[in-house]
Amino acid sequence: MDKDKLYQLKNEATKIKPIINIGKNGITDSVVEEIKKQVKANRLIKIKMLKTSAEGEDIKTSAEKLAEATKTTLIDVRGSTVVLYR
């Protein structure tokens, strides 16, 4: 993905609210399925992760695994907020 597209998506992501919250149970199969549904409908989604949901990893590593599991592109990680793009 080129820099202009990445910049555009990050800018667009600032205007949307998180649609999915990942809690203390972490990344489960049901969470992955829900993310797939939401990404199919919206193409760009924002996810809020509880810091303890990272299962001993940092949020960025968990976000990369989540992007791989959902076949999406990781656009941005800021604090505990993750942005994914279809």
PDB file of N, CA and C in Angstrom:
ATOM      1  N   MET A   1       0.845  -1.169   0.000  1.00  0.00           N
ATOM      2  CA  MET A   1       0.000   0.000   0.000  1.00  0.00           C
ATOM      3  C   MET A   1       0.898   1.244   0.000  1.00  0.00           C
ATOM      4  N   ASP A   2       0.565   2.204  -0.857  1.00  0.00           N
ATOM      5  CA  ASP A   2       1.408   3.392  -0.953  1.00  0.00           C
ATOM      6  C   ASP A   2       1.126   4.373   0.194  1.00  0.00           C
ATOM      7  N   LYS A   3       2.039   5.315   0.379  1.00  0.00           N
ATOM      8  CA  LYS A   3       1.961   6.246   1.503  1.00  0.00           C
ATOM      9  C   LYS A   3       0.722   7.136   1.455  1.00  0.00           C
ATOM     10  N   ASP A   4       0.340   7.557   0.251  1.00  0.00           N
ATOM     11  CA  ASP A   4      -0.832   8.426   0.127  1.00  0.00           C
ATOM     12  C   ASP A   4      -2.107   7.723   0.583  1.00  0.00           C
ATOM     13  N   LYS A   5      -2.262   6.473   0.166  1.00  0.00           N
ATOM     14  CA  LYS A   5      -3.441   5.689   0.553  1.00  0.00           C
ATOM     15  C   LYS A   5      -3.449   5.451   2.070  1.00  0.00           C
ATOM     16  N   LEU A   6      -2.278   5.133   2.622  1.00  0.00           N
ATOM     17  CA  LEU A   6      -2.154   4.900   4.055  1.00  0.00           C
ATOM     18  C   LEU A   6      -2.516   6.168   4.837  1.00  0.00           C
ATOM     19  N   TYR A   7      -2.010   7.302   4.386  1.00  0.00           N
ATOM     20  CA  TYR A   7      -2.319   8.583   5.025  1.00  0.00           C
ATOM     21  C   TYR A   7      -3.820   8.868   4.962  1.00  0.00           C
ATOM     22  N   GLN A   8      -4.413   8.619   3.817  1.00  0.00           N
ATOM     23  CA  GLN A   8      -5.848   8.852   3.624  1.00  0.00           C
ATOM     24  C   GLN A   8      -6.672   7.973   4.575  1.00  0.00           C
ATOM     25  N   LEU A   9      -6.279   6.701   4.699  1.00  0.00           N
ATOM     26  CA  LEU A   9      -7.014   5.783   5.576  1.00  0.00           C
ATOM     27  C   LEU A   9      -6.855   6.161   7.048  1.00  0.00           C
ATOM     28  N   LYS A  10      -5.653   6.569   7.446  1.00  0.00           N
ATOM     29  CA  LYS A  10      -5.444   7.004   8.832  1.00  0.00           C
ATOM     30  C   LYS A  10      -6.291   8.235   9.133  1.00  0.00           C
ATOM     31  N   ASN A  11      -6.347   9.145   8.179  1.00  0.00           N
ATOM     32  CA  ASN A  11      -7.151  10.353   8.343  1.00  0.00           C
ATOM     33  C   ASN A  11      -8.637  10.000   8.449  1.00  0.00           C
ATOM     34  N   GLU A  12      -9.083   9.096   7.616  1.00  0.00           N
ATOM     35  CA  GLU A  12     -10.476   8.646   7.644  1.00  0.00           C
ATOM     36  C   GLU A  12     -10.799   7.950   8.968  1.00  0.00           C
ATOM     37  N   ALA A  13      -9.827   7.220   9.498  1.00  0.00           N
ATOM     38  CA  ALA A  13     -10.034   6.471  10.741  1.00  0.00           C
ATOM     39  C   ALA A  13     -10.216   7.391  11.943  1.00  0.00           C
ATOM     40  N   THR A  14      -9.669   8.594  11.877  1.00  0.00           N
ATOM     41  CA  THR A  14      -9.837   9.514  13.006  1.00  0.00           C
ATOM     42  C   THR A  14     -11.286   9.959  13.159  1.00  0.00           C
ATOM     43  N   LYS A  15     -12.063   9.830  12.100  1.00  0.00           N
ATOM     44  CA  LYS A  15     -13.446  10.309  12.108  1.00  0.00           C
ATOM     45  C   LYS A  15     -14.460   9.245  12.521  1.00  0.00           C
ATOM     46  N   ILE A  16     -14.008   7.996  12.663  1.00  0.00           N
ATOM     47  CA  ILE A  16     -14.944   6.933  13.038  1.00  0.00           C
ATOM     48  C   ILE A  16     -14.721   6.506  14.482  1.00  0.00           C
ATOM     49  N   LYS A  17     -15.757   5.923  15.057  1.00  0.00           N
ATOM     50  CA  LYS A  17     -15.675   5.430  16.434  1.00  0.00           C
ATOM     51  C   LYS A  17     -15.432   3.927  16.414  1.00  0.00           C
ATOM     52  N   PRO A  18     -14.825   3.401  17.483  1.00  0.00           N
ATOM     53  CA  PRO A  18     -14.621   1.948  17.546  1.00  0.00           C
ATOM     54  C   PRO A  18     -15.947   1.194  17.482  1.00  0.00           C
ATOM     55  N   ILE A  19     -16.001   0.159  16.628  1.00  0.00           N
ATOM     56  CA  ILE A  19     -17.229  -0.625  16.500  1.00  0.00           C
ATOM     57  C   ILE A  19     -17.152  -1.882  17.356  1.00  0.00           C
ATOM     58  N   ILE A  20     -15.945  -2.340  17.615  1.00  0.00           N
ATOM     59  CA  ILE A  20     -15.765  -3.584  18.364  1.00  0.00           C
ATOM     60  C   ILE A  20     -14.866  -3.309  19.561  1.00  0.00           C
ATOM     61  N   ASN A  21     -15.258  -3.866  20.699  1.00  0.00           N
ATOM     62  CA  ASN A  21     -14.442  -3.794  21.906  1.00  0.00           C
ATOM     63  C   ASN A  21     -13.991  -5.200  22.255  1.00  0.00           C
ATOM     64  N   ILE A  22     -12.697  -5.373  22.441  1.00  0.00           N
ATOM     65  CA  ILE A  22     -12.161  -6.674  22.839  1.00  0.00           C
ATOM     66  C   ILE A  22     -11.818  -6.582  24.318  1.00  0.00           C
ATOM     67  N   GLY A  23     -12.457  -7.433  25.115  1.00  0.00           N
ATOM     68  CA  GLY A  23     -12.318  -7.378  26.564  1.00  0.00           C
ATOM     69  C   GLY A  23     -11.315  -8.365  27.119  1.00  0.00           C
ATOM     70  N   LYS A  24     -11.540  -8.743  28.366  1.00  0.00           N
ATOM     71  CA  LYS A  24     -10.581  -9.580  29.085  1.00  0.00           C
ATOM     72  C   LYS A  24     -10.457 -10.993  28.526  1.00  0.00           C
ATOM     73  N   ASN A  25     -11.444 -11.451  27.754  1.00  0.00           N
ATOM     74  CA  ASN A  25     -11.354 -12.786  27.153  1.00  0.00           C
ATOM     75  C   ASN A  25     -10.399 -12.822  25.974  1.00  0.00           C
ATOM     76  N   GLY A  26     -10.007 -11.668  25.487  1.00  0.00           N
ATOM     77  CA  GLY A  26      -9.026 -11.602  24.407  1.00  0.00           C
ATOM     78  C   GLY A  26      -9.625 -11.886  23.040  1.00  0.00           C
ATOM     79  N   ILE A  27      -8.764 -12.313  22.143  1.00  0.00           N
ATOM     80  CA  ILE A  27      -9.169 -12.574  20.762  1.00  0.00           C
ATOM     81  C   ILE A  27      -9.694 -14.002  20.669  1.00  0.00           C
ATOM     82  N   THR A  28     -11.011 -14.125  20.590  1.00  0.00           N
ATOM     83  CA  THR A  28     -11.649 -15.436  20.491  1.00  0.00           C
ATOM     84  C   THR A  28     -12.153 -15.642  19.066  1.00  0.00           C
ATOM     85  N   ASP A  29     -12.608 -16.846  18.781  1.00  0.00           N
ATOM     86  CA  ASP A  29     -13.147 -17.143  17.449  1.00  0.00           C
ATOM     87  C   ASP A  29     -14.351 -16.262  17.126  1.00  0.00           C
ATOM     88  N   SER A  30     -15.184 -16.026  18.126  1.00  0.00           N
ATOM     89  CA  SER A  30     -16.366 -15.191  17.882  1.00  0.00           C
ATOM     90  C   SER A  30     -15.979 -13.742  17.580  1.00  0.00           C
ATOM     91  N   VAL A  31     -14.922 -13.255  18.214  1.00  0.00           N
ATOM     92  CA  VAL A  31     -14.431 -11.898  17.933  1.00  0.00           C
ATOM     93  C   VAL A  31     -13.902 -11.824  16.504  1.00  0.00           C
ATOM     94  N   VAL A  32     -13.155 -12.827  16.090  1.00  0.00           N
ATOM     95  CA  VAL A  32     -12.610 -12.864  14.729  1.00  0.00           C
ATOM     96  C   VAL A  32     -13.739 -12.881  13.706  1.00  0.00           C
ATOM     97  N   GLU A  33     -14.769 -13.688  13.948  1.00  0.00           N
ATOM     98  CA  GLU A  33     -15.905 -13.750  13.023  1.00  0.00           C
ATOM     99  C   GLU A  33     -16.642 -12.413  12.946  1.00  0.00           C
ATOM    100  N   GLU A  34     -16.817 -11.775  14.090  1.00  0.00           N
ATOM    101  CA  GLU A  34     -17.501 -10.475  14.108  1.00  0.00           C
ATOM    102  C   GLU A  34     -16.679  -9.416  13.362  1.00  0.00           C
ATOM    103  N   ILE A  35     -15.373  -9.445  13.516  1.00  0.00           N
ATOM    104  CA  ILE A  35     -14.510  -8.502  12.791  1.00  0.00           C
ATOM    105  C   ILE A  35     -14.618  -8.740  11.292  1.00  0.00           C
ATOM    106  N   LYS A  36     -14.650 -10.007  10.886  1.00  0.00           N
ATOM    107  CA  LYS A  36     -14.802 -10.317   9.454  1.00  0.00           C
ATOM    108  C   LYS A  36     -16.108  -9.744   8.910  1.00  0.00           C
ATOM    109  N   LYS A  37     -17.197  -9.882   9.678  1.00  0.00           N
ATOM    110  CA  LYS A  37     -18.495  -9.347   9.251  1.00  0.00           C
ATOM    111  C   LYS A  37     -18.448  -7.827   9.135  1.00  0.00           C
ATOM    112  N   GLN A  38     -17.888  -7.185  10.147  1.00  0.00           N
ATOM    113  CA  GLN A  38     -17.845  -5.725  10.169  1.00  0.00           C
ATOM    114  C   GLN A  38     -16.955  -5.161   9.067  1.00  0.00           C
ATOM    115  N   VAL A  39     -15.844  -5.819   8.812  1.00  0.00           N
ATOM    116  CA  VAL A  39     -14.919  -5.348   7.773  1.00  0.00           C
ATOM    117  C   VAL A  39     -15.536  -5.526   6.388  1.00  0.00           C
ATOM    118  N   LYS A  40     -16.332  -6.574   6.241  1.00  0.00           N
ATOM    119  CA  LYS A  40     -17.011  -6.798   4.963  1.00  0.00           C
ATOM    120  C   LYS A  40     -18.045  -5.697   4.713  1.00  0.00           C
ATOM    121  N   ALA A  41     -18.707  -5.266   5.769  1.00  0.00           N
ATOM    122  CA  ALA A  41     -19.739  -4.239   5.644  1.00  0.00           C
ATOM    123  C   ALA A  41     -19.172  -2.821   5.573  1.00  0.00           C
ATOM    124  N   ASN A  42     -18.077  -2.564   6.273  1.00  0.00           N
ATOM    125  CA  ASN A  42     -17.588  -1.193   6.413  1.00  0.00           C
ATOM    126  C   ASN A  42     -16.230  -0.902   5.780  1.00  0.00           C
ATOM    127  N   ARG A  43     -15.462  -1.900   5.441  1.00  0.00           N
ATOM    128  CA  ARG A  43     -14.122  -1.855   4.861  1.00  0.00           C
ATOM    129  C   ARG A  43     -13.056  -1.264   5.768  1.00  0.00           C
ATOM    130  N   LEU A  44     -13.373  -0.252   6.559  1.00  0.00           N
ATOM    131  CA  LEU A  44     -12.428   0.339   7.507  1.00  0.00           C
ATOM    132  C   LEU A  44     -13.081   0.320   8.881  1.00  0.00           C
ATOM    133  N   ILE A  45     -12.447  -0.368   9.832  1.00  0.00           N
ATOM    134  CA  ILE A  45     -13.037  -0.446  11.168  1.00  0.00           C
ATOM    135  C   ILE A  45     -12.006  -0.097  12.226  1.00  0.00           C
ATOM    136  N   LYS A  46     -12.533   0.362  13.337  1.00  0.00           N
ATOM    137  CA  LYS A  46     -11.695   0.699  14.481  1.00  0.00           C
ATOM    138  C   LYS A  46     -12.093  -0.225  15.623  1.00  0.00           C
ATOM    139  N   ILE A  47     -11.087  -0.764  16.298  1.00  0.00           N
ATOM    140  CA  ILE A  47     -11.307  -1.720  17.383  1.00  0.00           C
ATOM    141  C   ILE A  47     -10.617  -1.202  18.635  1.00  0.00           C
ATOM    142  N   LYS A  48     -11.311  -1.262  19.746  1.00  0.00           N
ATOM    143  CA  LYS A  48     -10.741  -0.867  21.031  1.00  0.00           C
ATOM    144  C   LYS A  48     -10.403  -2.141  21.795  1.00  0.00           C
ATOM    145  N   MET A  49      -9.140  -2.271  22.209  1.00  0.00           N
ATOM    146  CA  MET A  49      -8.704  -3.458  22.943  1.00  0.00           C
ATOM    147  C   MET A  49      -8.396  -3.089  24.389  1.00  0.00           C
ATOM    148  N   LEU A  50      -8.878  -3.903  25.306  1.00  0.00           N
ATOM    149  CA  LEU A  50      -8.513  -3.753  26.699  1.00  0.00           C
ATOM    150  C   LEU A  50      -7.044  -4.147  26.821  1.00  0.00           C
ATOM    151  N   LYS A  51      -6.281  -3.398  27.583  1.00  0.00           N
ATOM    152  CA  LYS A  51      -4.838  -3.673  27.674  1.00  0.00           C
ATOM    153  C   LYS A  51      -4.541  -5.096  28.152  1.00  0.00           C
ATOM    154  N   THR A  52      -5.405  -5.642  28.996  1.00  0.00           N
ATOM    155  CA  THR A  52      -5.195  -7.005  29.493  1.00  0.00           C
ATOM    156  C   THR A  52      -5.643  -8.068  28.498  1.00  0.00           C
ATOM    157  N   SER A  53      -6.258  -7.662  27.387  1.00  0.00           N
ATOM    158  CA  SER A  53      -6.719  -8.636  26.392  1.00  0.00           C
ATOM    159  C   SER A  53      -5.591  -9.106  25.484  1.00  0.00           C
ATOM    160  N   ALA A  54      -4.420  -8.502  25.602  1.00  0.00           N
ATOM    161  CA  ALA A  54      -3.304  -8.816  24.713  1.00  0.00           C
ATOM    162  C   ALA A  54      -2.602 -10.128  25.072  1.00  0.00           C
ATOM    163  N   GLU A  55      -3.051 -10.803  26.113  1.00  0.00           N
ATOM    164  CA  GLU A  55      -2.531 -12.120  26.495  1.00  0.00           C
ATOM    165  C   GLU A  55      -1.014 -12.130  26.663  1.00  0.00           C
ATOM    166  N   GLY A  56      -0.486 -11.164  27.408  1.00  0.00           N
ATOM    167  CA  GLY A  56       0.944 -11.128  27.682  1.00  0.00           C
ATOM    168  C   GLY A  56       1.777 -10.498  26.583  1.00  0.00           C
ATOM    169  N   GLU A  57       1.171 -10.121  25.482  1.00  0.00           N
ATOM    170  CA  GLU A  57       1.885  -9.485  24.379  1.00  0.00           C
ATOM    171  C   GLU A  57       1.544  -8.002  24.384  1.00  0.00           C
ATOM    172  N   ASP A  58       2.288  -7.233  23.599  1.00  0.00           N
ATOM    173  CA  ASP A  58       1.884  -5.842  23.457  1.00  0.00           C
ATOM    174  C   ASP A  58       0.728  -5.758  22.461  1.00  0.00           C
ATOM    175  N   ILE A  59       0.054  -4.640  22.449  1.00  0.00           N
ATOM    176  CA  ILE A  59      -1.143  -4.464  21.616  1.00  0.00           C
ATOM    177  C   ILE A  59      -0.795  -4.593  20.135  1.00  0.00           C
ATOM    178  N   LYS A  60       0.353  -4.059  19.721  1.00  0.00           N
ATOM    179  CA  LYS A  60       0.733  -4.103  18.303  1.00  0.00           C
ATOM    180  C   LYS A  60       0.885  -5.542  17.815  1.00  0.00           C
ATOM    181  N   THR A  61       1.513  -6.395  18.603  1.00  0.00           N
ATOM    182  CA  THR A  61       1.677  -7.799  18.229  1.00  0.00           C
ATOM    183  C   THR A  61       0.322  -8.493  18.134  1.00  0.00           C
ATOM    184  N   SER A  62      -0.546  -8.228  19.092  1.00  0.00           N
ATOM    185  CA  SER A  62      -1.896  -8.805  19.054  1.00  0.00           C
ATOM    186  C   SER A  62      -2.665  -8.302  17.842  1.00  0.00           C
ATOM    187  N   ALA A  63      -2.490  -7.025  17.508  1.00  0.00           N
ATOM    188  CA  ALA A  63      -3.173  -6.441  16.351  1.00  0.00           C
ATOM    189  C   ALA A  63      -2.687  -7.077  15.054  1.00  0.00           C
ATOM    190  N   GLU A  64      -1.393  -7.351  14.958  1.00  0.00           N
ATOM    191  CA  GLU A  64      -0.845  -8.010  13.766  1.00  0.00           C
ATOM    192  C   GLU A  64      -1.423  -9.415  13.614  1.00  0.00           C
ATOM    193  N   LYS A  65      -1.523 -10.145  14.724  1.00  0.00           N
ATOM    194  CA  LYS A  65      -2.118 -11.486  14.686  1.00  0.00           C
ATOM    195  C   LYS A  65      -3.597 -11.418  14.308  1.00  0.00           C
ATOM    196  N   LEU A  66      -4.285 -10.411  14.815  1.00  0.00           N
ATOM    197  CA  LEU A  66      -5.698 -10.215  14.500  1.00  0.00           C
ATOM    198  C   LEU A  66      -5.884  -9.910  13.019  1.00  0.00           C
ATOM    199  N   ALA A  67      -5.033  -9.070  12.469  1.00  0.00           N
ATOM    200  CA  ALA A  67      -5.103  -8.736  11.043  1.00  0.00           C
ATOM    201  C   ALA A  67      -4.847  -9.973  10.189  1.00  0.00           C
ATOM    202  N   GLU A  68      -3.906 -10.793  10.613  1.00  0.00           N
ATOM    203  CA  GLU A  68      -3.600 -12.024   9.879  1.00  0.00           C
ATOM    204  C   GLU A  68      -4.779 -13.002   9.941  1.00  0.00           C
ATOM    205  N   ALA A  69      -5.390 -13.121  11.116  1.00  0.00           N
ATOM    206  CA  ALA A  69      -6.514 -14.050  11.292  1.00  0.00           C
ATOM    207  C   ALA A  69      -7.747 -13.616  10.506  1.00  0.00           C
ATOM    208  N   THR A  70      -7.921 -12.314  10.325  1.00  0.00           N
ATOM    209  CA  THR A  70      -9.103 -11.807   9.627  1.00  0.00           C
ATOM    210  C   THR A  70      -8.824 -11.456   8.168  1.00  0.00           C
ATOM    211  N   LYS A  71      -7.593 -11.680   7.729  1.00  0.00           N
ATOM    212  CA  LYS A  71      -7.180 -11.376   6.347  1.00  0.00           C
ATOM    213  C   LYS A  71      -7.442  -9.907   5.996  1.00  0.00           C
ATOM    214  N   THR A  72      -7.017  -9.023   6.908  1.00  0.00           N
ATOM    215  CA  THR A  72      -7.143  -7.586   6.700  1.00  0.00           C
ATOM    216  C   THR A  72      -5.764  -6.949   6.786  1.00  0.00           C
ATOM    217  N   THR A  73      -5.703  -5.655   6.517  1.00  0.00           N
ATOM    218  CA  THR A  73      -4.455  -4.911   6.607  1.00  0.00           C
ATOM    219  C   THR A  73      -4.492  -4.043   7.854  1.00  0.00           C
ATOM    220  N   LEU A  74      -3.435  -4.128   8.638  1.00  0.00           N
ATOM    221  CA  LEU A  74      -3.318  -3.293   9.826  1.00  0.00           C
ATOM    222  C   LEU A  74      -2.898  -1.896   9.384  1.00  0.00           C
ATOM    223  N   ILE A  75      -3.727  -0.910   9.651  1.00  0.00           N
ATOM    224  CA  ILE A  75      -3.459   0.462   9.238  1.00  0.00           C
ATOM    225  C   ILE A  75      -2.755   1.247  10.330  1.00  0.00           C
ATOM    226  N   ASP A  76      -3.249   1.134  11.563  1.00  0.00           N
ATOM    227  CA  ASP A  76      -2.698   1.958  12.631  1.00  0.00           C
ATOM    228  C   ASP A  76      -2.973   1.331  13.987  1.00  0.00           C
ATOM    229  N   VAL A  77      -2.053   1.560  14.919  1.00  0.00           N
ATOM    230  CA  VAL A  77      -2.244   1.183  16.317  1.00  0.00           C
ATOM    231  C   VAL A  77      -1.867   2.406  17.143  1.00  0.00           C
ATOM    232  N   ARG A  78      -2.817   2.913  17.890  1.00  0.00           N
ATOM    233  CA  ARG A  78      -2.555   4.057  18.771  1.00  0.00           C
ATOM    234  C   ARG A  78      -3.094   3.721  20.147  1.00  0.00           C
ATOM    235  N   GLY A  79      -2.186   3.575  21.084  1.00  0.00           N
ATOM    236  CA  GLY A  79      -2.601   3.180  22.423  1.00  0.00           C
ATOM    237  C   GLY A  79      -3.215   1.798  22.376  1.00  0.00           C
ATOM    238  N   SER A  80      -4.471   1.706  22.736  1.00  0.00           N
ATOM    239  CA  SER A  80      -5.149   0.408  22.693  1.00  0.00           C
ATOM    240  C   SER A  80      -6.207   0.365  21.590  1.00  0.00           C
ATOM    241  N   THR A  81      -6.087   1.269  20.614  1.00  0.00           N
ATOM    242  CA  THR A  81      -7.026   1.318  19.498  1.00  0.00           C
ATOM    243  C   THR A  81      -6.340   0.833  18.228  1.00  0.00           C
ATOM    244  N   VAL A  82      -7.027  -0.051  17.509  1.00  0.00           N
ATOM    245  CA  VAL A  82      -6.484  -0.678  16.305  1.00  0.00           C
ATOM    246  C   VAL A  82      -7.394  -0.340  15.128  1.00  0.00           C
ATOM    247  N   VAL A  83      -6.790  -0.047  13.974  1.00  0.00           N
ATOM    248  CA  VAL A  83      -7.561   0.230  12.764  1.00  0.00           C
ATOM    249  C   VAL A  83      -7.207  -0.823  11.723  1.00  0.00           C
ATOM    250  N   LEU A  84      -8.238  -1.494  11.187  1.00  0.00           N
ATOM    251  CA  LEU A  84      -8.059  -2.522  10.164  1.00  0.00           C
ATOM    252  C   LEU A  84      -8.782  -2.118   8.888  1.00  0.00           C
ATOM    253  N   TYR A  85      -8.228  -2.551   7.760  1.00  0.00           N
ATOM    254  CA  TYR A  85      -8.785  -2.218   6.445  1.00  0.00           C
ATOM    255  C   TYR A  85      -8.881  -3.475   5.599  1.00  0.00           C
ATOM    256  N   ARG A  86      -9.982  -3.600   4.869  1.00  0.00           N
ATOM    257  CA  ARG A  86     -10.189  -4.751   3.985  1.00  0.00           C
ATOM    258  C   ARG A  86      -9.489  -4.511   2.672  1.00  0.00           C
TER     259      ARG A  86
END
